[in-house]
N, C-alpha and C. Protein backbone atom coordinates (compact mmCIF):
# COMPACT_ATOMS: atom_id res chain seq x y z
N MET A 1 -58.15 58.23 24.93
CA MET A 1 -58.52 56.98 25.42
C MET A 1 -57.12 56.48 26.98
N ALA A 2 -55.71 56.71 26.58
CA ALA A 2 -54.87 56.63 26.48
C ALA A 2 -55.29 56.95 28.56
N ASN A 3 -55.31 57.87 28.52
CA ASN A 3 -55.12 58.86 29.82
C ASN A 3 -56.47 58.08 30.65
N THR A 4 -57.73 57.87 30.21
CA THR A 4 -59.14 57.17 31.03
C THR A 4 -58.58 55.45 30.94
N LEU A 5 -57.47 54.67 30.36
CA LEU A 5 -56.74 53.74 30.63
C LEU A 5 -56.25 54.02 31.68
N ALA A 6 -55.52 54.49 31.96
CA ALA A 6 -54.07 54.75 33.10
C ALA A 6 -55.45 55.06 34.04
N SER A 7 -56.24 55.57 34.00
CA SER A 7 -57.20 55.91 35.81
C SER A 7 -58.37 55.25 35.63
N VAL A 8 -58.27 54.44 34.95
CA VAL A 8 -58.85 53.49 35.48
C VAL A 8 -57.92 52.28 36.64
N GLU A 9 -56.76 51.68 35.47
CA GLU A 9 -55.88 51.07 36.17
C GLU A 9 -55.67 51.24 37.32
N ALA A 10 -55.27 52.67 37.51
CA ALA A 10 -55.08 53.65 38.88
C ALA A 10 -56.47 53.94 40.03
N GLY A 11 -57.68 53.26 39.50
CA GLY A 11 -58.65 52.76 40.14
C GLY A 11 -59.70 53.31 40.25
N ALA A 12 -59.64 54.75 39.17
CA ALA A 12 -60.56 55.13 38.73
C ALA A 12 -62.28 54.65 38.38
N THR A 13 -63.16 54.99 38.90
CA THR A 13 -64.44 53.62 38.93
C THR A 13 -65.75 54.25 38.57
N PHE A 14 -65.32 55.91 37.79
CA PHE A 14 -65.87 56.50 37.10
C PHE A 14 -65.78 57.37 36.06
N VAL A 15 -65.97 56.88 34.32
CA VAL A 15 -65.72 58.07 33.39
C VAL A 15 -65.88 58.36 33.16
N SER A 16 -66.14 59.92 32.32
CA SER A 16 -66.71 60.19 31.23
C SER A 16 -66.45 59.65 30.05
N CYS A 17 -67.75 59.52 29.44
CA CYS A 17 -67.85 58.98 27.83
C CYS A 17 -68.62 59.10 27.01
N THR A 18 -68.52 58.99 26.37
CA THR A 18 -69.58 59.80 24.67
C THR A 18 -69.69 58.49 24.18
N VAL A 19 -71.04 58.78 22.89
CA VAL A 19 -71.56 57.57 21.82
C VAL A 19 -71.48 58.30 20.81
N ASN A 20 -70.69 57.67 20.01
CA ASN A 20 -70.61 58.54 18.79
C ASN A 20 -70.14 59.97 18.90
N GLY A 21 -69.25 60.01 19.53
CA GLY A 21 -68.41 61.42 19.98
C GLY A 21 -69.85 62.42 19.64
N ILE A 22 -70.53 61.99 20.18
CA ILE A 22 -71.83 62.78 20.85
C ILE A 22 -71.33 63.41 22.20
N GLY A 23 -71.22 65.11 21.50
CA GLY A 23 -71.04 66.19 22.77
C GLY A 23 -69.51 65.91 23.73
N GLU A 24 -68.25 65.16 22.19
CA GLU A 24 -67.85 65.56 22.58
C GLU A 24 -66.44 67.19 22.93
N ARG A 25 -66.07 67.16 24.38
CA ARG A 25 -65.32 67.85 23.65
C ARG A 25 -64.13 68.00 24.63
N CYS A 26 -62.90 68.39 24.36
CA CYS A 26 -61.08 67.78 25.42
C CYS A 26 -60.79 66.94 25.32
N GLY A 27 -61.77 65.85 24.26
CA GLY A 27 -60.49 64.47 24.56
C GLY A 27 -61.35 63.36 25.02
N ILE A 28 -63.10 64.06 25.20
CA ILE A 28 -63.48 62.71 25.48
C ILE A 28 -63.43 60.83 25.61
N THR A 29 -63.40 60.32 26.11
CA THR A 29 -63.22 58.73 25.44
C THR A 29 -64.86 58.56 24.85
N GLU A 30 -64.57 57.68 24.06
CA GLU A 30 -65.67 56.86 23.48
C GLU A 30 -66.07 56.20 24.03
N THR A 31 -66.89 55.79 24.53
CA THR A 31 -67.53 54.38 25.53
C THR A 31 -67.68 53.44 24.54
N CYS A 32 -68.13 53.46 23.33
CA CYS A 32 -67.36 51.73 22.84
C CYS A 32 -65.91 51.58 22.58
N LEU A 33 -65.40 52.58 22.60
CA LEU A 33 -63.86 51.87 22.19
C LEU A 33 -63.32 51.63 23.78
N LEU A 34 -63.62 52.47 24.85
CA LEU A 34 -63.42 51.96 26.15
C LEU A 34 -64.00 51.15 26.47
N ILE A 35 -64.82 50.46 26.52
CA ILE A 35 -65.83 49.41 26.89
C ILE A 35 -65.09 47.98 26.03
N THR A 36 -64.72 48.42 24.73
CA THR A 36 -63.34 46.88 23.61
C THR A 36 -61.98 46.96 24.70
N ASN A 37 -61.90 48.66 24.87
CA ASN A 37 -60.49 48.30 25.13
C ASN A 37 -59.77 47.85 26.80
N LEU A 38 -61.16 47.32 27.53
CA LEU A 38 -61.46 47.30 28.59
C LEU A 38 -60.96 45.81 28.71
N HIS A 39 -62.72 45.42 28.22
CA HIS A 39 -62.69 44.14 27.90
C HIS A 39 -61.10 43.34 27.19
N PHE A 40 -60.69 43.71 26.78
CA PHE A 40 -59.32 43.11 25.66
C PHE A 40 -57.94 43.13 27.23
N SER A 41 -58.05 44.11 27.80
CA SER A 41 -57.15 44.31 28.44
C SER A 41 -57.32 43.27 29.67
N SER A 42 -58.00 42.70 29.83
CA SER A 42 -59.33 41.92 30.91
C SER A 42 -59.04 42.89 32.46
N ILE A 43 -59.54 43.91 31.98
CA ILE A 43 -60.53 45.08 33.05
C ILE A 43 -61.47 44.75 33.54
N LEU A 44 -61.99 44.80 34.35
CA LEU A 44 -63.64 43.99 34.90
C LEU A 44 -64.11 45.05 34.51
N CYS A 45 -65.54 45.50 33.92
CA CYS A 45 -65.59 46.59 33.06
C CYS A 45 -67.52 46.34 33.30
N SER A 46 -68.26 47.14 33.56
CA SER A 46 -69.69 47.24 33.43
C SER A 46 -70.62 46.52 32.14
N GLY A 47 -69.91 47.30 31.45
CA GLY A 47 -70.40 47.67 29.65
C GLY A 47 -70.03 46.15 29.53
N LYS A 48 -70.77 45.66 28.52
CA LYS A 48 -70.24 44.87 26.87
C LYS A 48 -69.69 44.95 25.71
N SER A 49 -68.32 44.64 25.77
CA SER A 49 -68.24 43.93 24.30
C SER A 49 -68.99 43.83 23.26
N GLN A 50 -69.88 43.47 23.24
CA GLN A 50 -70.22 42.51 21.96
C GLN A 50 -71.59 43.73 21.96
N LYS A 51 -71.97 44.49 22.98
CA LYS A 51 -73.26 45.13 22.33
C LYS A 51 -72.23 46.88 21.79
N VAL A 52 -71.44 46.88 21.99
CA VAL A 52 -70.83 48.17 21.58
C VAL A 52 -71.06 48.58 20.25
N LEU A 53 -71.13 48.07 19.20
CA LEU A 53 -72.15 47.99 17.69
C LEU A 53 -73.61 48.33 17.58
N LYS A 54 -74.25 47.50 18.31
CA LYS A 54 -75.79 48.24 18.93
C LYS A 54 -75.82 48.95 19.79
N LEU A 55 -75.22 49.66 20.58
CA LEU A 55 -75.35 51.32 21.26
C LEU A 55 -74.36 52.39 20.77
N SER A 56 -73.79 51.88 19.39
CA SER A 56 -73.41 52.88 18.98
C SER A 56 -74.52 53.38 17.66
N ARG A 57 -75.47 52.27 16.73
CA ARG A 57 -76.17 52.29 16.13
C ARG A 57 -78.15 52.64 16.59
N LEU A 58 -78.01 52.17 17.69
CA LEU A 58 -79.55 53.06 18.46
C LEU A 58 -79.33 54.40 19.06
N VAL A 59 -77.98 55.44 19.23
CA VAL A 59 -77.86 56.06 19.89
C VAL A 59 -77.45 57.46 17.92
N SER A 60 -77.00 56.79 16.74
CA SER A 60 -77.35 57.01 15.95
C SER A 60 -78.55 57.88 15.31
N GLU A 61 -79.55 55.90 15.95
CA GLU A 61 -80.75 56.07 15.50
C GLU A 61 -81.68 57.70 16.12
N ALA A 62 -81.41 57.26 17.36
CA ALA A 62 -82.42 58.40 18.22
C ALA A 62 -82.21 60.03 18.17
N MET A 63 -81.06 60.27 17.61
CA MET A 63 -80.41 61.27 16.77
C MET A 63 -80.73 61.68 15.65
N GLY A 64 -81.23 60.41 15.32
CA GLY A 64 -81.45 61.04 13.36
C GLY A 64 -80.40 61.46 12.30
N ASP A 65 -79.17 60.54 12.76
CA ASP A 65 -77.64 60.72 12.28
C ASP A 65 -77.70 59.47 12.12
N THR A 66 -76.67 59.88 10.86
CA THR A 66 -76.39 58.34 10.06
C THR A 66 -75.02 57.99 10.98
N PHE A 67 -75.51 56.32 10.42
CA PHE A 67 -74.09 55.89 10.96
C PHE A 67 -73.18 56.24 10.68
N ASP A 68 -71.96 56.67 11.38
CA ASP A 68 -70.07 57.02 11.20
C ASP A 68 -69.63 55.34 10.34
N ARG A 69 -69.71 55.05 8.92
CA ARG A 69 -69.20 54.15 9.12
C ARG A 69 -67.28 53.90 9.09
N ARG A 70 -66.69 55.49 9.15
CA ARG A 70 -65.51 55.54 10.01
C ARG A 70 -64.29 55.06 10.89
N ARG A 71 -65.52 54.90 11.83
CA ARG A 71 -65.48 55.14 13.66
C ARG A 71 -64.65 53.57 13.92
N PRO A 72 -63.76 53.71 14.64
CA PRO A 72 -62.65 52.65 15.18
C PRO A 72 -63.16 51.93 15.75
N ILE A 73 -62.97 51.05 15.52
CA ILE A 73 -64.00 49.58 16.63
C ILE A 73 -65.27 49.50 15.57
N ILE A 74 -66.64 50.19 15.42
CA ILE A 74 -67.45 49.63 15.00
C ILE A 74 -68.33 50.15 13.61
N GLY A 75 -67.16 51.20 13.42
CA GLY A 75 -67.19 51.20 11.68
C GLY A 75 -66.91 50.29 10.85
N GLU A 76 -68.17 50.19 9.87
CA GLU A 76 -67.73 49.02 8.77
C GLU A 76 -66.77 49.06 8.29
N TYR A 77 -65.71 49.90 7.92
CA TYR A 77 -64.65 50.68 7.32
C TYR A 77 -63.29 50.44 8.57
N SER A 78 -64.06 50.14 9.67
CA SER A 78 -62.51 49.41 10.75
C SER A 78 -61.87 48.45 10.36
N PHE A 79 -62.29 47.48 9.36
CA PHE A 79 -61.71 46.15 9.24
C PHE A 79 -60.79 46.28 7.88
N VAL A 80 -61.07 47.01 7.27
CA VAL A 80 -60.61 46.98 5.54
C VAL A 80 -59.20 47.92 5.56
N HIS A 81 -58.93 47.11 4.32
CA HIS A 81 -57.19 47.41 4.73
C HIS A 81 -57.28 46.92 2.89
N THR A 82 -56.90 48.71 2.70
CA THR A 82 -56.13 48.86 1.12
C THR A 82 -55.40 48.78 0.40
N ALA A 83 -53.81 49.14 1.33
CA ALA A 83 -52.71 49.84 1.25
C ALA A 83 -51.94 47.88 0.86
N LYS A 84 -50.94 47.97 -0.15
CA LYS A 84 -50.91 46.97 0.17
C LYS A 84 -50.13 46.00 0.91
N LEU A 85 -49.28 46.73 1.51
CA LEU A 85 -48.57 46.54 2.89
C LEU A 85 -49.42 45.65 4.52
N HIS A 86 -50.91 46.86 4.17
CA HIS A 86 -51.74 46.47 5.56
C HIS A 86 -52.01 45.14 5.17
N LEU A 87 -52.45 44.66 3.87
CA LEU A 87 -53.59 43.51 3.18
C LEU A 87 -51.64 42.16 3.05
N THR A 88 -50.86 42.52 2.64
CA THR A 88 -50.04 41.23 2.77
C THR A 88 -49.79 40.85 4.34
N ALA A 89 -49.58 42.08 5.35
CA ALA A 89 -49.51 42.01 6.55
C ALA A 89 -50.45 41.10 7.39
N THR A 90 -52.18 41.28 6.88
CA THR A 90 -52.91 40.52 7.26
C THR A 90 -53.35 39.73 6.82
N THR A 91 -53.21 38.94 5.35
CA THR A 91 -52.47 37.92 4.60
C THR A 91 -51.79 36.89 6.16
N ARG A 92 -50.33 37.41 6.32
CA ARG A 92 -49.34 36.34 7.28
C ARG A 92 -50.01 36.55 8.67
N ASP A 93 -50.83 37.79 8.96
CA ASP A 93 -51.21 37.04 10.63
C ASP A 93 -51.88 38.15 10.39
N ARG A 94 -53.29 37.38 10.96
CA ARG A 94 -54.18 38.44 11.03
C ARG A 94 -54.38 38.97 12.00
N ASN A 95 -54.07 39.13 13.10
CA ASN A 95 -54.07 39.78 14.43
C ASN A 95 -52.82 41.43 14.41
N CYS A 96 -52.21 41.45 13.08
CA CYS A 96 -51.43 42.06 12.88
C CYS A 96 -51.30 43.29 12.87
N TYR A 97 -53.23 43.48 12.04
CA TYR A 97 -53.24 45.08 12.19
C TYR A 97 -54.87 45.01 13.57
N HIS A 98 -55.42 43.65 13.34
CA HIS A 98 -56.52 42.95 14.18
C HIS A 98 -56.96 42.54 15.52
N TRP A 99 -56.66 43.83 16.84
CA TRP A 99 -56.50 43.72 17.86
C TRP A 99 -57.42 42.65 18.82
N VAL A 100 -58.81 43.03 17.97
CA VAL A 100 -59.70 42.57 18.24
C VAL A 100 -60.62 42.16 17.21
N ASP A 101 -61.20 40.66 16.88
CA ASP A 101 -61.70 39.96 15.71
C ASP A 101 -63.26 40.79 15.91
N PRO A 102 -63.83 41.33 14.76
CA PRO A 102 -64.83 42.13 14.06
C PRO A 102 -65.76 40.73 14.06
N LEU A 103 -65.63 40.15 13.94
CA LEU A 103 -66.99 38.69 14.44
C LEU A 103 -67.11 39.56 15.58
N TYR A 104 -66.70 39.11 17.07
CA TYR A 104 -66.54 39.64 18.04
C TYR A 104 -67.91 39.81 18.44
N LEU A 105 -67.26 41.39 17.72
CA LEU A 105 -68.41 42.62 18.06
C LEU A 105 -70.35 42.11 17.39
N ASN A 106 -69.73 41.18 16.35
CA ASN A 106 -71.59 41.80 16.12
C ASN A 106 -71.93 40.42 16.36
N GLU A 107 -71.79 39.92 17.79
CA GLU A 107 -72.78 39.00 18.55
C GLU A 107 -74.10 38.80 19.05
């Protein structure tokens, strides 16, 4: 992800991506995570960050695969905290572990 973001910031107009890790090898960037990062970094992107969850679920259905609930950003467990330290921190400041608003992704 860091290399992909750096290449886009340096002027790359095309990057290879995967959805839900399908076809991933050698660190190919996850489309949903890239679009979300670009959006929240205010970098112009043709992808819609609000639709990443829909894209991921659509690909899961097409592949006949179960949706990975542990995937970063789009998984239902992405914003769940069970450790006392994390719970305390998010109670004090929600942005402590949530750099993106999970509700925004479901619009």
